[in-house]
C-alpha atoms as a PDB file:
ATOM      1  CA  MET A   1      87.924 102.145 109.439  1.00  0.00           C
ATOM      2  CA  GLU A   2      89.104  98.997 108.587  1.00  0.00           C
ATOM      3  CA  ALA A   3      88.434  97.853 112.097  1.00  0.00           C
ATOM      4  CA  LEU A   4      85.027  99.292 112.248  1.00  0.00           C
ATOM      5  CA  LEU A   5      83.998  97.697 109.345  1.00  0.00           C
ATOM      6  CA  SER A   6      84.900  94.424 110.552  1.00  0.00           C
ATOM      7  CA  ASP A   7      81.575  93.615 112.190  1.00  0.00           C
ATOM      8  CA  ARG A   8      79.240  95.777 109.945  1.00  0.00           C
ATOM      9  CA  VAL A   9      77.901  96.517 106.393  1.00  0.00           C
ATOM     10  CA  PHE A  10      78.186 100.247 106.665  1.00  0.00           C
ATOM     11  CA  LEU A  11      79.942 102.593 109.169  1.00  0.00           C
ATOM     12  CA  PHE A  12      76.957 102.968 111.399  1.00  0.00           C
ATOM     13  CA  GLY A  13      75.518  99.350 110.893  1.00  0.00           C
ATOM     14  CA  ASN A  14      73.113  97.991 108.075  1.00  0.00           C
ATOM     15  CA  ARG A  15      72.044 101.434 106.674  1.00  0.00           C
ATOM     16  CA  LEU A  16      73.909 103.279 104.155  1.00  0.00           C
ATOM     17  CA  THR A  17      74.675 107.164 105.542  1.00  0.00           C
ATOM     18  CA  GLU A  18      76.378 109.922 104.015  1.00  0.00           C
ATOM     19  CA  THR A  19      79.438 108.923 106.079  1.00  0.00           C
ATOM     20  CA  ASP A  20      79.620 106.041 103.718  1.00  0.00           C
ATOM     21  CA  ILE A  21      79.637 107.976 100.593  1.00  0.00           C
ATOM     22  CA  ARG A  22      82.111 110.386 101.942  1.00  0.00           C
ATOM     23  CA  LEU A  23      84.301 107.611 102.831  1.00  0.00           C
ATOM     24  CA  PHE A  24      83.594 105.902  99.357  1.00  0.00           C
ATOM     25  CA  VAL A  25      84.987 109.048  97.414  1.00  0.00           C
ATOM     26  CA  THR A  26      88.142 108.823  99.323  1.00  0.00           C
ATOM     27  CA  LEU A  27      88.290 105.103  98.746  1.00  0.00           C
ATOM     28  CA  VAL A  28      87.724 105.321  95.157  1.00  0.00           C
ATOM     29  CA  ARG A  29      90.494 108.016  94.799  1.00  0.00           C
ATOM     30  CA  PHE A  30      93.375 106.593  96.986  1.00  0.00           C
ATOM     31  CA  ASP A  31      94.982 104.233  95.137  1.00  0.00           C
ATOM     32  CA  ALA A  32      94.848 105.982  91.727  1.00  0.00           C
ATOM     33  CA  ALA A  33      95.730 109.480  93.247  1.00  0.00           C
ATOM     34  CA  TYR A  34      96.462 109.902  96.938  1.00  0.00           C
ATOM     35  CA  HIS A  35      98.989 106.575  97.182  1.00  0.00           C
ATOM     36  CA  GLY A  36     101.250 107.873  94.830  1.00  0.00           C
ATOM     37  CA  LEU A  37     100.854 111.518  94.664  1.00  0.00           C
ATOM     38  CA  PHE A  38     100.557 112.168  98.117  1.00  0.00           C
ATOM     39  CA  LYS A  39     103.106 109.584  99.192  1.00  0.00           C
ATOM     40  CA  CYS A  40     100.545 107.612 100.943  1.00  0.00           C
ATOM     41  CA  ASN A  41     102.057 104.806  99.830  1.00  0.00           C
ATOM     42  CA  LEU A  42     102.575 102.538 102.778  1.00  0.00           C
ATOM     43  CA  ARG A  43      99.686 100.439 102.037  1.00  0.00           C
ATOM     44  CA  ARG A  44      96.827 100.269  98.953  1.00  0.00           C
ATOM     45  CA  ILE A  45      93.117 100.058  99.973  1.00  0.00           C
ATOM     46  CA  GLY A  46      93.352  96.192  98.618  1.00  0.00           C
ATOM     47  CA  ASP A  47      95.772  95.672 101.663  1.00  0.00           C
ATOM     48  CA  TYR A  48      92.643  96.234 103.864  1.00  0.00           C
ATOM     49  CA  PRO A  49      89.864  93.468 103.397  1.00  0.00           C
ATOM     50  CA  ASN A  50      87.361  95.546 105.170  1.00  0.00           C
ATOM     51  CA  LEU A  51      87.764  98.862 103.432  1.00  0.00           C
ATOM     52  CA  SER A  52      88.210  97.065 100.018  1.00  0.00           C
ATOM     53  CA  THR A  53      84.813  95.066 100.580  1.00  0.00           C
ATOM     54  CA  HIS A  54      83.261  98.506 101.500  1.00  0.00           C
ATOM     55  CA  LEU A  55      84.259 100.132  98.322  1.00  0.00           C
ATOM     56  CA  GLU A  56      83.067  97.233  96.145  1.00  0.00           C
ATOM     57  CA  ARG A  57      80.038  97.204  98.148  1.00  0.00           C
ATOM     58  CA  MET A  58      79.416 100.789  97.245  1.00  0.00           C
ATOM     59  CA  LEU A  59      80.431 100.331  93.725  1.00  0.00           C
ATOM     60  CA  ALA A  60      77.650  97.615  93.447  1.00  0.00           C
ATOM     61  CA  ILE A  61      75.065  99.762  94.695  1.00  0.00           C
ATOM     62  CA  PRO A  62      73.403 100.970  91.215  1.00  0.00           C
ATOM     63  CA  GLY A  63      74.227 104.016  89.595  1.00  0.00           C
ATOM     64  CA  VAL A  64      77.292 104.438  91.697  1.00  0.00           C
ATOM     65  CA  ALA A  65      79.829 103.029  89.358  1.00  0.00           C
ATOM     66  CA  GLY A  66      78.893 105.055  86.596  1.00  0.00           C
ATOM     67  CA  THR A  67      79.872 107.954  88.661  1.00  0.00           C
ATOM     68  CA  VAL A  68      83.454 106.939  89.040  1.00  0.00           C
ATOM     69  CA  ASN A  69      85.801 107.999  85.957  1.00  0.00           C
ATOM     70  CA  ILE A  70      89.273 107.068  87.386  1.00  0.00           C
ATOM     71  CA  ASP A  71      91.150 108.462  84.368  1.00  0.00           C
ATOM     72  CA  HIS A  72      89.408 111.877  85.103  1.00  0.00           C
ATOM     73  CA  ILE A  73      90.429 111.234  88.931  1.00  0.00           C
ATOM     74  CA  LYS A  74      94.255 110.722  87.622  1.00  0.00           C
ATOM     75  CA  ARG A  75      94.394 113.832  85.353  1.00  0.00           C
ATOM     76  CA  GLY A  76      92.919 116.053  87.627  1.00  0.00           C
ATOM     77  CA  TYR A  77      95.069 115.168  90.867  1.00  0.00           C
ATOM     78  CA  TYR A  78      98.365 114.506  88.636  1.00  0.00           C
ATOM     79  CA  SER A  79      97.522 118.157  87.086  1.00  0.00           C
ATOM     80  CA  ILE A  80      98.617 119.896  90.239  1.00  0.00           C
ATOM     81  CA  LYS A  81     101.926 121.409  89.040  1.00  0.00           C
ATOM     82  CA  SER A  82     103.401 122.320  92.745  1.00  0.00           C
ATOM     83  CA  LEU A  83     102.939 118.121  93.383  1.00  0.00           C
ATOM     84  CA  ASN A  84     103.688 116.775  89.802  1.00  0.00           C
ATOM     85  CA  PRO A  85     105.888 119.422  88.086  1.00  0.00           C
ATOM     86  CA  ASN A  86     106.539 117.181  85.161  1.00  0.00           C
ATOM     87  CA  GLY A  87     103.072 116.516  84.348  1.00  0.00           C
ATOM     88  CA  ILE A  88     103.472 112.617  84.290  1.00  0.00           C
ATOM     89  CA  VAL A  89     100.085 110.784  84.764  1.00  0.00           C
ATOM     90  CA  PRO A  90     100.936 107.083  85.695  1.00  0.00           C
ATOM     91  CA  LEU A  91      99.067 104.275  83.300  1.00  0.00           C
ATOM     92  CA  GLY A  92      98.608 102.245  86.885  1.00  0.00           C
ATOM     93  CA  PRO A  93      97.845 101.231  89.027  1.00  0.00           C
ATOM     94  CA  ALA A  94      95.750  98.610  88.526  1.00  0.00           C
ATOM     95  CA  LEU A  95      92.792  98.739  91.133  1.00  0.00           C
ATOM     96  CA  GLY A  96      91.343  95.747  91.511  1.00  0.00           C
ATOM     97  CA  PHE A  97      87.946  96.689  91.513  1.00  0.00           C
ATOM     98  CA  GLU A  98      87.715  97.593  87.835  1.00  0.00           C
ATOM     99  CA  ARG A  99      85.262  94.960  87.043  1.00  0.00           C
ATOM    100  CA  PHE A 100      82.610  97.598  88.535  1.00  0.00           C
ATOM    101  CA  LEU A 101      83.671 100.084  86.253  1.00  0.00           C
ATOM    102  CA  ALA A 102      83.501  98.054  82.793  1.00  0.00           C
ATOM    103  CA  GLY A 103      81.356  99.732  80.883  1.00  0.00           C
ATOM    104  CA  ALA A 104      80.182 101.983  83.751  1.00  0.00           C
ATOM    105  CA  GLU A 105      82.704 104.850  83.374  1.00  0.00           C
ATOM    106  CA  ARG A 106      81.367 107.948  82.119  1.00  0.00           C
ATOM    107  CA  LYS A 107      83.382 110.080  79.614  1.00  0.00           C
ATOM    108  CA  VAL A 108      84.319 113.582  80.865  1.00  0.00           C
ATOM    109  CA  ALA A 109      84.877 116.249  78.313  1.00  0.00           C
END
């Protein structure tokens, strides 16, 4: 994906597609949950310039950042007892795209 996004705005050119949205939901969760909990910790999304740009581009689309609640994502994934038997939810990591979420995160009851 990193290489594919090196010469285009979205995965299939200059037009947003469902594939971009599906990639977005993985990217936005990756550092907060998958990196630590699923031990996908060789690199973070921030280590991939094109993936990071894609994530930020998606977050900049009006209304998208408001659908993201990192705390809810972490609480959901880290509540899986078979993966996290002690139930510890990390405070971090610092994600690098918090500026897009400032004031946009919805409160999930």
